[in-house]
């Protein structure tokens, strides 16, 4: 098995455990057992638990985002854009733990003890995400539904989604994912999307 295939098999095993038990169920030993390898082999590919978590969060985020119904002009543009952007937030109130590795990744990428390799990987992920978000905005722009240019709207989307993510993380219990969706739609309606 090639190194790429082995790494992929380890991430497959990790993803199964995360879906079954959350991140806390994806310990090095549990992942190694699920993947049918020894812990030392797993450590060769992912030297620390943190490395494994970051890789699975990046993978799951990359798999989770799609264009949804952004091109379906029969659907309200705010609804379409909100559906797309909600993929960047936890899917439900029971999934808030998935945000912890994301916050840890930010800290390791830009904090006092920032690691250049983590920063590079994170910025590559941001670039991929921005490319997709740009496509969503270009679709709405082609319909005459954006209040500003795509280049002006894109940083605003980041601000809105990042702000909602922080609120969800810090206000656990008093703010739900449904609350975040309502706030997102209100902000998009007021600042990004032209509605009829």
C-alpha atoms as a PDB file:
ATOM      1  CA  UNK A   1       0.000   0.000   0.000  1.00  0.00           C
ATOM      2  CA  UNK A   2       1.413   3.402  -0.964  1.00  0.00           C
ATOM      3  CA  UNK A   3       1.934   6.125   1.630  1.00  0.00           C
ATOM      4  CA  UNK A   4      -0.935   8.125   0.123  1.00  0.00           C
ATOM      5  CA  UNK A   5      -3.237   5.099   0.274  1.00  0.00           C
ATOM      6  CA  UNK A   6      -2.216   4.309   3.857  1.00  0.00           C
ATOM      7  CA  UNK A   7      -2.792   7.922   4.926  1.00  0.00           C
ATOM      8  CA  UNK A   8      -6.190   7.875   3.227  1.00  0.00           C
ATOM      9  CA  UNK A   9      -7.109   4.582   4.947  1.00  0.00           C
ATOM     10  CA  UNK A  10      -6.179   6.095   8.317  1.00  0.00           C
ATOM     11  CA  UNK A  11      -8.337   9.135   7.624  1.00  0.00           C
ATOM     12  CA  UNK A  12     -11.204   6.861   6.504  1.00  0.00           C
ATOM     13  CA  UNK A  13     -10.975   5.047   9.849  1.00  0.00           C
ATOM     14  CA  UNK A  14     -10.796   8.341  11.727  1.00  0.00           C
ATOM     15  CA  UNK A  15     -13.833   9.695   9.905  1.00  0.00           C
ATOM     16  CA  UNK A  16     -15.872   6.591  10.761  1.00  0.00           C
ATOM     17  CA  UNK A  17     -14.986   6.969  14.443  1.00  0.00           C
ATOM     18  CA  UNK A  18     -15.749  10.712  14.453  1.00  0.00           C
ATOM     19  CA  UNK A  19     -19.157  10.042  12.913  1.00  0.00           C
ATOM     20  CA  UNK A  20     -19.841   7.317  15.492  1.00  0.00           C
ATOM     21  CA  UNK A  21     -18.367   8.852  18.648  1.00  0.00           C
ATOM     22  CA  UNK A  22     -17.282  12.419  17.954  1.00  0.00           C
ATOM     23  CA  UNK A  23     -13.678  13.550  18.086  1.00  0.00           C
ATOM     24  CA  UNK A  24     -13.193  12.145  21.565  1.00  0.00           C
ATOM     25  CA  UNK A  25     -13.732   8.673  20.099  1.00  0.00           C
ATOM     26  CA  UNK A  26     -10.902   9.146  17.617  1.00  0.00           C
ATOM     27  CA  UNK A  27      -7.971   8.450  19.911  1.00  0.00           C
ATOM     28  CA  UNK A  28      -4.713   7.207  18.417  1.00  0.00           C
ATOM     29  CA  UNK A  29      -5.356   3.689  19.712  1.00  0.00           C
ATOM     30  CA  UNK A  30      -8.953   3.624  18.489  1.00  0.00           C
ATOM     31  CA  UNK A  31      -7.995   4.899  15.039  1.00  0.00           C
ATOM     32  CA  UNK A  32      -5.099   2.457  14.754  1.00  0.00           C
ATOM     33  CA  UNK A  33      -7.405  -0.431  15.686  1.00  0.00           C
ATOM     34  CA  UNK A  34     -10.100   0.745  13.256  1.00  0.00           C
ATOM     35  CA  UNK A  35      -7.503   1.069  10.480  1.00  0.00           C
ATOM     36  CA  UNK A  36      -5.971  -2.325  11.303  1.00  0.00           C
ATOM     37  CA  UNK A  37      -2.487  -0.931  11.973  1.00  0.00           C
ATOM     38  CA  UNK A  38      -0.257  -0.392  14.969  1.00  0.00           C
ATOM     39  CA  UNK A  39      -0.122   2.908  16.847  1.00  0.00           C
ATOM     40  CA  UNK A  40       3.502   3.405  15.774  1.00  0.00           C
ATOM     41  CA  UNK A  41       2.482   3.134  12.107  1.00  0.00           C
ATOM     42  CA  UNK A  42      -0.244   5.710  12.676  1.00  0.00           C
ATOM     43  CA  UNK A  43       2.292   7.998  14.388  1.00  0.00           C
ATOM     44  CA  UNK A  44       4.487   7.762  11.277  1.00  0.00           C
ATOM     45  CA  UNK A  45       1.707   9.421   9.262  1.00  0.00           C
ATOM     46  CA  UNK A  46       0.303  11.627  12.026  1.00  0.00           C
ATOM     47  CA  UNK A  47       2.968  12.308  14.674  1.00  0.00           C
ATOM     48  CA  UNK A  48       0.479  13.722  17.181  1.00  0.00           C
ATOM     49  CA  UNK A  49      -3.202  13.519  18.030  1.00  0.00           C
ATOM     50  CA  UNK A  50      -3.449  17.164  17.016  1.00  0.00           C
ATOM     51  CA  UNK A  51      -2.056  16.383  13.542  1.00  0.00           C
ATOM     52  CA  UNK A  52      -4.646  13.655  13.117  1.00  0.00           C
ATOM     53  CA  UNK A  53      -7.480  15.935  14.250  1.00  0.00           C
ATOM     54  CA  UNK A  54      -6.418  18.731  11.944  1.00  0.00           C
ATOM     55  CA  UNK A  55      -6.236  16.387   8.983  1.00  0.00           C
ATOM     56  CA  UNK A  56      -9.686  14.949   9.624  1.00  0.00           C
ATOM     57  CA  UNK A  57     -11.274  18.365  10.155  1.00  0.00           C
ATOM     58  CA  UNK A  58      -9.760  19.615   6.886  1.00  0.00           C
ATOM     59  CA  UNK A  59     -10.930  16.488   5.079  1.00  0.00           C
ATOM     60  CA  UNK A  60     -14.442  16.574   6.500  1.00  0.00           C
ATOM     61  CA  UNK A  61     -14.819  20.256   5.721  1.00  0.00           C
ATOM     62  CA  UNK A  62     -13.648  19.699   2.170  1.00  0.00           C
ATOM     63  CA  UNK A  63     -16.123  16.856   1.690  1.00  0.00           C
ATOM     64  CA  UNK A  64     -18.972  18.711   3.329  1.00  0.00           C
ATOM     65  CA  UNK A  65     -19.197  21.767   1.117  1.00  0.00           C
ATOM     66  CA  UNK A  66     -21.090  21.702  -2.134  1.00  0.00           C
ATOM     67  CA  UNK A  67     -22.868  24.242  -4.291  1.00  0.00           C
ATOM     68  CA  UNK A  68     -26.227  23.071  -2.937  1.00  0.00           C
ATOM     69  CA  UNK A  69     -29.023  24.908  -4.811  1.00  0.00           C
ATOM     70  CA  UNK A  70     -27.072  28.106  -5.564  1.00  0.00           C
ATOM     71  CA  UNK A  71     -27.988  27.906  -9.271  1.00  0.00           C
ATOM     72  CA  UNK A  72     -31.696  27.212  -8.678  1.00  0.00           C
ATOM     73  CA  UNK A  73     -33.209  30.608  -9.470  1.00  0.00           C
ATOM     74  CA  UNK A  74     -36.640  29.368  -8.367  1.00  0.00           C
ATOM     75  CA  UNK A  75     -35.335  29.491  -4.771  1.00  0.00           C
ATOM     76  CA  UNK A  76     -34.914  32.771  -2.871  1.00  0.00           C
ATOM     77  CA  UNK A  77     -31.273  33.945  -3.236  1.00  0.00           C
ATOM     78  CA  UNK A  78     -30.877  34.502   0.513  1.00  0.00           C
ATOM     79  CA  UNK A  79     -31.983  30.921   1.157  1.00  0.00           C
ATOM     80  CA  UNK A  80     -29.589  29.592  -1.486  1.00  0.00           C
ATOM     81  CA  UNK A  81     -26.557  31.480  -0.174  1.00  0.00           C
ATOM     82  CA  UNK A  82     -27.430  30.699   3.454  1.00  0.00           C
ATOM     83  CA  UNK A  83     -27.641  26.974   2.649  1.00  0.00           C
ATOM     84  CA  UNK A  84     -24.175  27.105   1.124  1.00  0.00           C
ATOM     85  CA  UNK A  85     -22.663  29.078   4.004  1.00  0.00           C
ATOM     86  CA  UNK A  86     -24.273  26.947   6.716  1.00  0.00           C
ATOM     87  CA  UNK A  87     -22.004  24.124   5.537  1.00  0.00           C
ATOM     88  CA  UNK A  88     -19.151  26.080   7.152  1.00  0.00           C
ATOM     89  CA  UNK A  89     -20.825  25.916  10.575  1.00  0.00           C
ATOM     90  CA  UNK A  90     -21.687  22.876  12.684  1.00  0.00           C
ATOM     91  CA  UNK A  91     -24.598  20.921  11.183  1.00  0.00           C
ATOM     92  CA  UNK A  92     -26.482  20.722  14.483  1.00  0.00           C
ATOM     93  CA  UNK A  93     -26.234  21.628  18.148  1.00  0.00           C
ATOM     94  CA  UNK A  94     -24.697  18.256  19.030  1.00  0.00           C
ATOM     95  CA  UNK A  95     -21.736  18.868  16.703  1.00  0.00           C
ATOM     96  CA  UNK A  96     -20.175  21.895  18.416  1.00  0.00           C
ATOM     97  CA  UNK A  97     -17.165  19.779  19.437  1.00  0.00           C
ATOM     98  CA  UNK A  98     -16.109  19.759  15.779  1.00  0.00           C
ATOM     99  CA  UNK A  99     -15.261  23.461  16.144  1.00  0.00           C
ATOM    100  CA  UNK A 100     -12.617  22.906  18.818  1.00  0.00           C
ATOM    101  CA  UNK A 101      -9.955  21.514  16.432  1.00  0.00           C
ATOM    102  CA  UNK A 102     -10.731  24.383  14.055  1.00  0.00           C
ATOM    103  CA  UNK A 103     -10.045  26.947  16.790  1.00  0.00           C
ATOM    104  CA  UNK A 104      -6.913  25.030  17.774  1.00  0.00           C
ATOM    105  CA  UNK A 105      -5.789  25.077  14.130  1.00  0.00           C
ATOM    106  CA  UNK A 106      -6.247  28.859  14.000  1.00  0.00           C
ATOM    107  CA  UNK A 107      -4.170  29.213  17.144  1.00  0.00           C
ATOM    108  CA  UNK A 108      -1.428  26.990  15.750  1.00  0.00           C
ATOM    109  CA  UNK A 109      -1.502  28.851  12.433  1.00  0.00           C
ATOM    110  CA  UNK A 110      -1.542  32.428  13.726  1.00  0.00           C
ATOM    111  CA  UNK A 111      -0.970  32.378  17.491  1.00  0.00           C
ATOM    112  CA  UNK A 112       2.124  33.283  19.478  1.00  0.00           C
ATOM    113  CA  UNK A 113       3.731  29.904  18.740  1.00  0.00           C
ATOM    114  CA  UNK A 114       2.508  29.713  15.129  1.00  0.00           C
ATOM    115  CA  UNK A 115       3.769  26.827  13.043  1.00  0.00           C
ATOM    116  CA  UNK A 116       4.537  27.723   9.405  1.00  0.00           C
ATOM    117  CA  UNK A 117       3.417  24.341   8.036  1.00  0.00           C
ATOM    118  CA  UNK A 118       0.054  24.632   9.794  1.00  0.00           C
ATOM    119  CA  UNK A 119      -0.340  28.205   8.551  1.00  0.00           C
ATOM    120  CA  UNK A 120       0.418  27.130   4.981  1.00  0.00           C
ATOM    121  CA  UNK A 121      -2.078  24.254   5.138  1.00  0.00           C
ATOM    122  CA  UNK A 122      -4.736  26.490   6.669  1.00  0.00           C
ATOM    123  CA  UNK A 123      -4.238  29.213   4.062  1.00  0.00           C
ATOM    124  CA  UNK A 124      -4.541  26.605   1.295  1.00  0.00           C
ATOM    125  CA  UNK A 125      -7.843  25.503   2.799  1.00  0.00           C
ATOM    126  CA  UNK A 126      -9.024  29.127   2.981  1.00  0.00           C
ATOM    127  CA  UNK A 127      -8.047  29.633  -0.652  1.00  0.00           C
ATOM    128  CA  UNK A 128     -10.080  26.585  -1.711  1.00  0.00           C
ATOM    129  CA  UNK A 129     -13.055  27.757   0.316  1.00  0.00           C
ATOM    130  CA  UNK A 130     -12.817  31.294  -1.073  1.00  0.00           C
ATOM    131  CA  UNK A 131     -12.766  29.946  -4.620  1.00  0.00           C
ATOM    132  CA  UNK A 132     -16.020  28.114  -3.971  1.00  0.00           C
ATOM    133  CA  UNK A 133     -17.612  31.087  -2.199  1.00  0.00           C
ATOM    134  CA  UNK A 134     -16.573  33.338  -5.074  1.00  0.00           C
ATOM    135  CA  UNK A 135     -18.492  31.013  -7.395  1.00  0.00           C
ATOM    136  CA  UNK A 136     -21.594  31.315  -5.209  1.00  0.00           C
ATOM    137  CA  UNK A 137     -21.367  35.087  -5.267  1.00  0.00           C
ATOM    138  CA  UNK A 138     -20.698  35.189  -9.018  1.00  0.00           C
ATOM    139  CA  UNK A 139     -23.901  33.206  -9.536  1.00  0.00           C
ATOM    140  CA  UNK A 140     -25.895  35.752  -7.549  1.00  0.00           C
ATOM    141  CA  UNK A 141     -24.099  38.628  -9.271  1.00  0.00           C
ATOM    142  CA  UNK A 142     -25.069  37.202 -12.671  1.00  0.00           C
ATOM    143  CA  UNK A 143     -28.682  37.370 -11.503  1.00  0.00           C
ATOM    144  CA  UNK A 144     -28.295  40.985 -10.353  1.00  0.00           C
ATOM    145  CA  UNK A 145     -28.762  39.892  -6.729  1.00  0.00           C
ATOM    146  CA  UNK A 146     -25.587  41.253  -5.070  1.00  0.00           C
ATOM    147  CA  UNK A 147     -25.540  44.634  -3.322  1.00  0.00           C
ATOM    148  CA  UNK A 148     -21.819  45.056  -4.065  1.00  0.00           C
ATOM    149  CA  UNK A 149     -19.161  43.462  -6.230  1.00  0.00           C
ATOM    150  CA  UNK A 150     -18.006  39.917  -5.571  1.00  0.00           C
ATOM    151  CA  UNK A 151     -14.660  41.280  -4.311  1.00  0.00           C
ATOM    152  CA  UNK A 152     -16.481  43.491  -1.793  1.00  0.00           C
ATOM    153  CA  UNK A 153     -18.965  40.821  -0.732  1.00  0.00           C
ATOM    154  CA  UNK A 154     -16.449  38.011  -0.184  1.00  0.00           C
ATOM    155  CA  UNK A 155     -14.726  39.494   2.900  1.00  0.00           C
ATOM    156  CA  UNK A 156     -18.152  40.356   4.298  1.00  0.00           C
ATOM    157  CA  UNK A 157     -19.175  36.691   4.036  1.00  0.00           C
ATOM    158  CA  UNK A 158     -16.029  35.722   5.961  1.00  0.00           C
ATOM    159  CA  UNK A 159     -16.806  38.240   8.681  1.00  0.00           C
ATOM    160  CA  UNK A 160     -20.379  37.027   9.026  1.00  0.00           C
ATOM    161  CA  UNK A 161     -19.547  33.305   9.088  1.00  0.00           C
ATOM    162  CA  UNK A 162     -16.534  33.734  11.386  1.00  0.00           C
ATOM    163  CA  UNK A 163     -18.614  35.860  13.758  1.00  0.00           C
ATOM    164  CA  UNK A 164     -21.394  33.285  13.876  1.00  0.00           C
ATOM    165  CA  UNK A 165     -18.853  30.500  14.473  1.00  0.00           C
ATOM    166  CA  UNK A 166     -17.391  32.380  17.436  1.00  0.00           C
ATOM    167  CA  UNK A 167     -20.874  33.058  18.816  1.00  0.00           C
ATOM    168  CA  UNK A 168     -21.830  29.396  18.523  1.00  0.00           C
ATOM    169  CA  UNK A 169     -18.633  28.351  20.249  1.00  0.00           C
ATOM    170  CA  UNK A 170     -18.780  30.866  23.084  1.00  0.00           C
ATOM    171  CA  UNK A 171     -22.537  30.899  23.643  1.00  0.00           C
ATOM    172  CA  UNK A 172     -23.123  27.145  23.709  1.00  0.00           C
ATOM    173  CA  UNK A 173     -26.539  26.495  25.113  1.00  0.00           C
ATOM    174  CA  UNK A 174     -27.868  30.008  24.636  1.00  0.00           C
ATOM    175  CA  UNK A 175     -27.356  30.115  20.858  1.00  0.00           C
ATOM    176  CA  UNK A 176     -28.383  27.257  18.605  1.00  0.00           C
ATOM    177  CA  UNK A 177     -27.496  26.415  15.030  1.00  0.00           C
ATOM    178  CA  UNK A 178     -31.073  27.406  14.115  1.00  0.00           C
ATOM    179  CA  UNK A 179     -30.441  30.823  15.732  1.00  0.00           C
ATOM    180  CA  UNK A 180     -27.249  31.147  13.678  1.00  0.00           C
ATOM    181  CA  UNK A 181     -29.187  30.331  10.495  1.00  0.00           C
ATOM    182  CA  UNK A 182     -31.762  33.052  11.260  1.00  0.00           C
ATOM    183  CA  UNK A 183     -29.015  35.592  11.971  1.00  0.00           C
ATOM    184  CA  UNK A 184     -27.152  34.574   8.817  1.00  0.00           C
ATOM    185  CA  UNK A 185     -30.234  35.063   6.656  1.00  0.00           C
ATOM    186  CA  UNK A 186     -30.973  38.455   8.237  1.00  0.00           C
ATOM    187  CA  UNK A 187     -27.397  39.618   7.673  1.00  0.00           C
ATOM    188  CA  UNK A 188     -27.339  38.369   4.089  1.00  0.00           C
ATOM    189  CA  UNK A 189     -30.681  40.046   3.392  1.00  0.00           C
ATOM    190  CA  UNK A 190     -29.528  43.342   4.868  1.00  0.00           C
ATOM    191  CA  UNK A 191     -25.938  43.532   3.666  1.00  0.00           C
ATOM    192  CA  UNK A 192     -25.171  41.148   0.789  1.00  0.00           C
ATOM    193  CA  UNK A 193     -28.164  40.047  -1.282  1.00  0.00           C
ATOM    194  CA  UNK A 194     -30.660  42.212  -3.123  1.00  0.00           C
ATOM    195  CA  UNK A 195     -34.156  40.853  -2.555  1.00  0.00           C
ATOM    196  CA  UNK A 196     -37.301  41.733  -4.476  1.00  0.00           C
END
